[in-house]
Amino acid sequence: MPGLLPDWYIGFLIGALRLIRGWETNFLGHTIAWEILIPGVLLPASFFLLMGGYPMFERWVTGDARYHQVLDRPRNMPARTALGAAILAMAIDLQLSGSSEVMALHLDLPLYAVIWTFRAGFIAAPVVAFGVTKRVCVSRQRADRRRLRRGTEFGIAAQRQGTAYTAVSQPVPTEQRAVLEARRPDGCTSRCPGTSSRCRHPAVY
């Protein structure tokens, strides 16, 4: 019936069912309904398996077997933060697609246009979220390094007989410096250019 909404806790499943097209296969006299099996079984099962195995996968990719602080600042691990943002964008797309019929009804839009929009968003939204989030994290790291190097600006002083002005800075307080310098110990874990030691900068991962 038009206007019906799924419960919030199964919204992503309903959304996934609505996004996939009809696809069936006959195998040895049995019909395999892929449009039900993939979004209703394989998608959630794969998600929870990947979520549980992600720490081991990250350790294998980065070669970093050291202790990980649970309260790492998101900007200090850009790829991990960006991956979380990408998964969140995908989940939001699935959740919203579960109410595609209601959106089409109240916004007076063609239903299939709404569905195809969510289909495109299922691919595009995670890619955009990953790129933007990683870029923001790296830029915030650079801002932290500039602040440590230049100090905190707190006033303006005249120079050149009053014709130009520059900000007056003071060293970053000890408490704030401890937060800004809270990076992974020992720095790196893969091979750096020009060195024989393994070095992978935290700014990359």
C-alpha atoms as a PDB file:
ATOM      1  CA  MET A   1       0.000   0.000   0.000  1.00  0.00           C
ATOM      2  CA  PRO A   2       1.285   3.513  -0.770  1.00  0.00           C
ATOM      3  CA  GLY A   3       2.488   5.455   2.223  1.00  0.00           C
ATOM      4  CA  LEU A   4       3.652   2.474   4.267  1.00  0.00           C
ATOM      5  CA  LEU A   5       7.049   2.782   5.953  1.00  0.00           C
ATOM      6  CA  PRO A   6       9.211  -0.078   7.274  1.00  0.00           C
ATOM      7  CA  ASP A   7      10.297  -0.133  10.903  1.00  0.00           C
ATOM      8  CA  TRP A   8      13.545   1.779  11.366  1.00  0.00           C
ATOM      9  CA  TYR A   9      15.580  -1.270  12.378  1.00  0.00           C
ATOM     10  CA  ILE A  10      14.844  -3.088   9.093  1.00  0.00           C
ATOM     11  CA  GLY A  11      14.769   0.016   6.918  1.00  0.00           C
ATOM     12  CA  PHE A  12      18.129  -0.780   5.339  1.00  0.00           C
ATOM     13  CA  LEU A  13      16.956  -4.284   4.406  1.00  0.00           C
ATOM     14  CA  ILE A  14      13.783  -2.960   2.782  1.00  0.00           C
ATOM     15  CA  GLY A  15      15.846  -0.319   1.020  1.00  0.00           C
ATOM     16  CA  ALA A  16      18.248  -2.919  -0.337  1.00  0.00           C
ATOM     17  CA  LEU A  17      15.332  -5.037  -1.559  1.00  0.00           C
ATOM     18  CA  ARG A  18      13.892  -2.059  -3.405  1.00  0.00           C
ATOM     19  CA  LEU A  19      17.154  -1.096  -5.048  1.00  0.00           C
ATOM     20  CA  ILE A  20      17.989  -4.431  -6.651  1.00  0.00           C
ATOM     21  CA  ARG A  21      16.317  -5.422  -9.901  1.00  0.00           C
ATOM     22  CA  GLY A  22      14.479  -8.697 -10.466  1.00  0.00           C
ATOM     23  CA  TRP A  23      17.003 -11.467 -11.076  1.00  0.00           C
ATOM     24  CA  GLU A  24      16.323 -15.194 -10.950  1.00  0.00           C
ATOM     25  CA  THR A  25      18.306 -18.269 -11.958  1.00  0.00           C
ATOM     26  CA  ASN A  26      17.040 -21.800 -12.565  1.00  0.00           C
ATOM     27  CA  PHE A  27      19.533 -24.380 -11.327  1.00  0.00           C
ATOM     28  CA  LEU A  28      18.828 -28.127 -11.342  1.00  0.00           C
ATOM     29  CA  GLY A  29      15.113 -27.525 -11.241  1.00  0.00           C
ATOM     30  CA  HIS A  30      15.362 -24.963  -8.418  1.00  0.00           C
ATOM     31  CA  THR A  31      14.737 -21.241  -8.754  1.00  0.00           C
ATOM     32  CA  ILE A  32      17.270 -18.982  -7.031  1.00  0.00           C
ATOM     33  CA  ALA A  33      15.757 -15.547  -6.359  1.00  0.00           C
ATOM     34  CA  TRP A  34      18.853 -13.353  -6.315  1.00  0.00           C
ATOM     35  CA  GLU A  35      16.749 -10.214  -5.772  1.00  0.00           C
ATOM     36  CA  ILE A  36      15.924 -11.653  -2.323  1.00  0.00           C
ATOM     37  CA  LEU A  37      19.095 -13.587  -1.521  1.00  0.00           C
ATOM     38  CA  ILE A  38      21.599 -10.801  -2.205  1.00  0.00           C
ATOM     39  CA  PRO A  39      19.989  -7.849  -0.345  1.00  0.00           C
ATOM     40  CA  GLY A  40      18.230  -9.903   2.325  1.00  0.00           C
ATOM     41  CA  VAL A  41      20.923 -12.460   3.206  1.00  0.00           C
ATOM     42  CA  LEU A  42      24.311 -11.888   1.571  1.00  0.00           C
ATOM     43  CA  LEU A  43      24.471  -8.110   2.117  1.00  0.00           C
ATOM     44  CA  PRO A  44      23.883  -8.076   5.913  1.00  0.00           C
ATOM     45  CA  ALA A  45      25.965 -11.239   6.404  1.00  0.00           C
ATOM     46  CA  SER A  46      28.883  -9.750   4.453  1.00  0.00           C
ATOM     47  CA  PHE A  47      28.622  -6.487   6.371  1.00  0.00           C
ATOM     48  CA  PHE A  48      28.848  -8.106   9.800  1.00  0.00           C
ATOM     49  CA  LEU A  49      31.645 -10.453   8.693  1.00  0.00           C
ATOM     50  CA  LEU A  50      33.680  -7.558   7.277  1.00  0.00           C
ATOM     51  CA  MET A  51      32.999  -5.458  10.357  1.00  0.00           C
ATOM     52  CA  GLY A  52      34.276  -8.221  12.627  1.00  0.00           C
ATOM     53  CA  GLY A  53      37.334  -8.925  10.484  1.00  0.00           C
ATOM     54  CA  TYR A  54      38.303  -5.321   9.793  1.00  0.00           C
ATOM     55  CA  PRO A  55      40.947  -5.055  12.572  1.00  0.00           C
ATOM     56  CA  MET A  56      42.783  -8.072  11.170  1.00  0.00           C
ATOM     57  CA  PHE A  57      42.442  -6.738   7.618  1.00  0.00           C
ATOM     58  CA  GLU A  58      43.827  -3.326   8.620  1.00  0.00           C
ATOM     59  CA  ARG A  59      46.736  -4.978  10.450  1.00  0.00           C
ATOM     60  CA  TRP A  60      47.506  -7.014   7.322  1.00  0.00           C
ATOM     61  CA  VAL A  61      47.331  -4.014   4.965  1.00  0.00           C
ATOM     62  CA  THR A  62      49.325  -1.571   7.095  1.00  0.00           C
ATOM     63  CA  GLY A  63      51.683  -4.054   8.736  1.00  0.00           C
ATOM     64  CA  ASP A  64      50.951  -2.305  12.018  1.00  0.00           C
ATOM     65  CA  ALA A  65      50.568  -4.831  14.834  1.00  0.00           C
ATOM     66  CA  ARG A  66      51.024  -2.345  17.653  1.00  0.00           C
ATOM     67  CA  TYR A  67      48.439  -1.495  20.285  1.00  0.00           C
ATOM     68  CA  HIS A  68      45.662   0.765  18.978  1.00  0.00           C
ATOM     69  CA  GLN A  69      44.220   3.397  21.262  1.00  0.00           C
ATOM     70  CA  VAL A  70      40.436   3.240  21.181  1.00  0.00           C
ATOM     71  CA  LEU A  71      40.213   7.031  21.574  1.00  0.00           C
ATOM     72  CA  ASP A  72      42.448   7.906  18.595  1.00  0.00           C
ATOM     73  CA  ARG A  73      41.540  11.284  17.140  1.00  0.00           C
ATOM     74  CA  PRO A  74      39.706  10.713  13.834  1.00  0.00           C
ATOM     75  CA  ARG A  75      42.034  13.078  11.974  1.00  0.00           C
ATOM     76  CA  ASN A  76      45.054  10.993  12.984  1.00  0.00           C
ATOM     77  CA  MET A  77      43.735   7.966  11.054  1.00  0.00           C
ATOM     78  CA  PRO A  78      42.277   9.510   7.874  1.00  0.00           C
ATOM     79  CA  ALA A  79      41.705   6.306   5.910  1.00  0.00           C
ATOM     80  CA  ARG A  80      39.948   4.586   8.817  1.00  0.00           C
ATOM     81  CA  THR A  81      37.768   7.645   9.432  1.00  0.00           C
ATOM     82  CA  ALA A  82      37.005   8.006   5.719  1.00  0.00           C
ATOM     83  CA  LEU A  83      36.039   4.344   5.482  1.00  0.00           C
ATOM     84  CA  GLY A  84      33.624   4.787   8.383  1.00  0.00           C
ATOM     85  CA  ALA A  85      32.100   7.823   6.667  1.00  0.00           C
ATOM     86  CA  ALA A  86      31.725   5.845   3.422  1.00  0.00           C
ATOM     87  CA  ILE A  87      29.932   2.992   5.202  1.00  0.00           C
ATOM     88  CA  LEU A  88      27.691   5.501   6.974  1.00  0.00           C
ATOM     89  CA  ALA A  89      26.827   7.161   3.643  1.00  0.00           C
ATOM     90  CA  MET A  90      25.944   3.764   2.165  1.00  0.00           C
ATOM     91  CA  ALA A  91      23.789   2.916   5.189  1.00  0.00           C
ATOM     92  CA  ILE A  92      21.954   6.250   4.965  1.00  0.00           C
ATOM     93  CA  ASP A  93      21.268   5.660   1.276  1.00  0.00           C
ATOM     94  CA  LEU A  94      19.812   2.208   2.024  1.00  0.00           C
ATOM     95  CA  GLN A  95      17.767   3.535   4.940  1.00  0.00           C
ATOM     96  CA  LEU A  96      16.281   6.358   2.885  1.00  0.00           C
ATOM     97  CA  SER A  97      15.588   4.113  -0.088  1.00  0.00           C
ATOM     98  CA  GLY A  98      13.332   2.074   2.183  1.00  0.00           C
ATOM     99  CA  SER A  99      10.905   5.011   2.085  1.00  0.00           C
ATOM    100  CA  SER A 100      11.242   5.674  -1.661  1.00  0.00           C
ATOM    101  CA  GLU A 101       7.521   5.141  -2.260  1.00  0.00           C
ATOM    102  CA  VAL A 102       6.584   7.703   0.393  1.00  0.00           C
ATOM    103  CA  MET A 103       9.072  10.205  -1.044  1.00  0.00           C
ATOM    104  CA  ALA A 104       7.695   9.716  -4.539  1.00  0.00           C
ATOM    105  CA  LEU A 105       4.128  10.111  -3.268  1.00  0.00           C
ATOM    106  CA  HIS A 106       4.614  13.264  -1.191  1.00  0.00           C
ATOM    107  CA  LEU A 107       7.117  14.954  -3.519  1.00  0.00           C
ATOM    108  CA  ASP A 108       5.093  14.043  -6.619  1.00  0.00           C
ATOM    109  CA  LEU A 109       8.078  12.372  -8.288  1.00  0.00           C
ATOM    110  CA  PRO A 110       8.229   9.317 -10.546  1.00  0.00           C
ATOM    111  CA  LEU A 111       8.880   6.264  -8.376  1.00  0.00           C
ATOM    112  CA  TYR A 112      11.463   4.767 -10.701  1.00  0.00           C
ATOM    113  CA  ALA A 113      13.354   8.073 -10.862  1.00  0.00           C
ATOM    114  CA  VAL A 114      13.605   8.042  -7.068  1.00  0.00           C
ATOM    115  CA  ILE A 115      14.761   4.426  -7.049  1.00  0.00           C
ATOM    116  CA  TRP A 116      17.411   5.054  -9.714  1.00  0.00           C
ATOM    117  CA  THR A 117      18.619   8.068  -7.739  1.00  0.00           C
ATOM    118  CA  PHE A 118      19.174   5.868  -4.699  1.00  0.00           C
ATOM    119  CA  ARG A 119      20.824   3.221  -6.878  1.00  0.00           C
ATOM    120  CA  ALA A 120      23.321   5.792  -8.109  1.00  0.00           C
ATOM    121  CA  GLY A 121      23.764   7.122  -4.576  1.00  0.00           C
ATOM    122  CA  PHE A 122      24.587   3.641  -3.282  1.00  0.00           C
ATOM    123  CA  ILE A 123      27.754   3.769  -5.430  1.00  0.00           C
ATOM    124  CA  ALA A 124      28.518   7.485  -5.567  1.00  0.00           C
ATOM    125  CA  ALA A 125      27.787   8.553  -1.981  1.00  0.00           C
ATOM    126  CA  PRO A 126      30.425   6.298  -0.326  1.00  0.00           C
ATOM    127  CA  VAL A 127      33.078   7.375  -2.855  1.00  0.00           C
ATOM    128  CA  VAL A 128      32.373  11.071  -2.279  1.00  0.00           C
ATOM    129  CA  ALA A 129      32.186  10.625   1.499  1.00  0.00           C
ATOM    130  CA  PHE A 130      35.513   8.759   1.558  1.00  0.00           C
ATOM    131  CA  GLY A 131      37.331  11.378  -0.517  1.00  0.00           C
ATOM    132  CA  VAL A 132      35.939  14.392   1.323  1.00  0.00           C
ATOM    133  CA  THR A 133      36.448  12.916   4.798  1.00  0.00           C
ATOM    134  CA  LYS A 134      40.034  11.867   4.131  1.00  0.00           C
ATOM    135  CA  ARG A 135      40.838  15.278   2.681  1.00  0.00           C
ATOM    136  CA  VAL A 136      39.354  17.030   5.710  1.00  0.00           C
ATOM    137  CA  CYS A 137      41.313  14.810   8.125  1.00  0.00           C
ATOM    138  CA  VAL A 138      44.604  15.451   6.338  1.00  0.00           C
ATOM    139  CA  SER A 139      43.950  19.200   6.248  1.00  0.00           C
ATOM    140  CA  ARG A 140      43.217  19.198   9.989  1.00  0.00           C
ATOM    141  CA  GLN A 141      46.505  17.379  10.594  1.00  0.00           C
ATOM    142  CA  ARG A 142      48.321  20.105   8.679  1.00  0.00           C
ATOM    143  CA  ALA A 143      46.508  22.768  10.688  1.00  0.00           C
ATOM    144  CA  ASP A 144      47.651  21.069  13.913  1.00  0.00           C
ATOM    145  CA  ARG A 145      51.260  21.028  12.698  1.00  0.00           C
ATOM    146  CA  ARG A 146      51.092  24.724  11.777  1.00  0.00           C
ATOM    147  CA  ARG A 147      49.676  25.530  15.188  1.00  0.00           C
ATOM    148  CA  LEU A 148      52.451  23.614  16.931  1.00  0.00           C
ATOM    149  CA  ARG A 149      55.063  25.354  14.808  1.00  0.00           C
ATOM    150  CA  ARG A 150      53.690  28.914  14.910  1.00  0.00           C
ATOM    151  CA  GLY A 151      51.828  28.937  18.194  1.00  0.00           C
ATOM    152  CA  THR A 152      48.381  30.326  18.963  1.00  0.00           C
ATOM    153  CA  GLU A 153      47.494  33.769  17.591  1.00  0.00           C
ATOM    154  CA  PHE A 154      45.945  36.014  20.215  1.00  0.00           C
ATOM    155  CA  GLY A 155      46.481  39.615  19.104  1.00  0.00           C
ATOM    156  CA  ILE A 156      47.628  42.047  16.411  1.00  0.00           C
ATOM    157  CA  ALA A 157      50.763  44.209  16.484  1.00  0.00           C
ATOM    158  CA  ALA A 158      51.732  47.052  14.170  1.00  0.00           C
ATOM    159  CA  GLN A 159      54.838  46.815  12.028  1.00  0.00           C
ATOM    160  CA  ARG A 160      56.645  49.058   9.561  1.00  0.00           C
ATOM    161  CA  GLN A 161      55.553  52.264  11.238  1.00  0.00           C
ATOM    162  CA  GLY A 162      51.917  51.268  11.320  1.00  0.00           C
ATOM    163  CA  THR A 163      51.575  50.447   7.607  1.00  0.00           C
ATOM    164  CA  ALA A 164      51.260  46.685   8.056  1.00  0.00           C
ATOM    165  CA  TYR A 165      49.955  44.393  10.740  1.00  0.00           C
ATOM    166  CA  THR A 166      50.805  40.869  11.803  1.00  0.00           C
ATOM    167  CA  ALA A 167      49.288  38.515  14.349  1.00  0.00           C
ATOM    168  CA  VAL A 168      51.058  37.975  17.651  1.00  0.00           C
ATOM    169  CA  SER A 169      51.449  34.334  18.654  1.00  0.00           C
ATOM    170  CA  GLN A 170      52.194  32.542  21.869  1.00  0.00           C
ATOM    171  CA  PRO A 171      53.301  28.920  22.373  1.00  0.00           C
ATOM    172  CA  VAL A 172      50.564  26.331  22.531  1.00  0.00           C
ATOM    173  CA  PRO A 173      49.685  25.509  26.175  1.00  0.00           C
ATOM    174  CA  THR A 174      51.031  22.235  27.514  1.00  0.00           C
ATOM    175  CA  GLU A 175      47.596  20.609  27.780  1.00  0.00           C
ATOM    176  CA  GLN A 176      46.705  21.444  24.183  1.00  0.00           C
ATOM    177  CA  ARG A 177      50.159  20.460  22.939  1.00  0.00           C
ATOM    178  CA  ALA A 178      49.702  16.995  24.446  1.00  0.00           C
ATOM    179  CA  VAL A 179      46.522  16.557  22.389  1.00  0.00           C
ATOM    180  CA  LEU A 180      48.019  17.926  19.175  1.00  0.00           C
ATOM    181  CA  GLU A 181      51.090  15.728  19.491  1.00  0.00           C
ATOM    182  CA  ALA A 182      49.136  12.578  20.345  1.00  0.00           C
ATOM    183  CA  ARG A 183      50.180  10.630  17.263  1.00  0.00           C
ATOM    184  CA  ARG A 184      50.997   6.957  16.808  1.00  0.00           C
ATOM    185  CA  PRO A 185      54.249   6.050  18.644  1.00  0.00           C
ATOM    186  CA  ASP A 186      57.353   5.365  16.560  1.00  0.00           C
ATOM    187  CA  GLY A 187      55.803   7.144  13.616  1.00  0.00           C
ATOM    188  CA  CYS A 188      55.755   4.728  10.707  1.00  0.00           C
ATOM    189  CA  THR A 189      55.401   1.126   9.605  1.00  0.00           C
ATOM    190  CA  SER A 190      56.207   0.802   5.898  1.00  0.00           C
ATOM    191  CA  ARG A 191      59.103   1.650   3.601  1.00  0.00           C
ATOM    192  CA  CYS A 192      59.734   5.392   3.156  1.00  0.00           C
ATOM    193  CA  PRO A 193      61.399   6.769  -0.004  1.00  0.00           C
ATOM    194  CA  GLY A 194      65.132   7.119   0.447  1.00  0.00           C
ATOM    195  CA  THR A 195      65.319   4.969   3.570  1.00  0.00           C
ATOM    196  CA  SER A 196      65.918   1.316   4.273  1.00  0.00           C
ATOM    197  CA  SER A 197      63.590   1.208   7.256  1.00  0.00           C
ATOM    198  CA  ARG A 198      59.869   0.580   7.171  1.00  0.00           C
ATOM    199  CA  CYS A 199      57.875   3.779   7.398  1.00  0.00           C
ATOM    200  CA  ARG A 200      54.201   4.450   6.739  1.00  0.00           C
ATOM    201  CA  HIS A 201      53.090   7.853   7.871  1.00  0.00           C
ATOM    202  CA  PRO A 202      49.948   8.130  10.035  1.00  0.00           C
ATOM    203  CA  ALA A 203      48.769  10.910   7.716  1.00  0.00           C
ATOM    204  CA  VAL A 204      48.256   8.279   5.014  1.00  0.00           C
ATOM    205  CA  TYR A 205      46.481   5.679   7.151  1.00  0.00           C
END
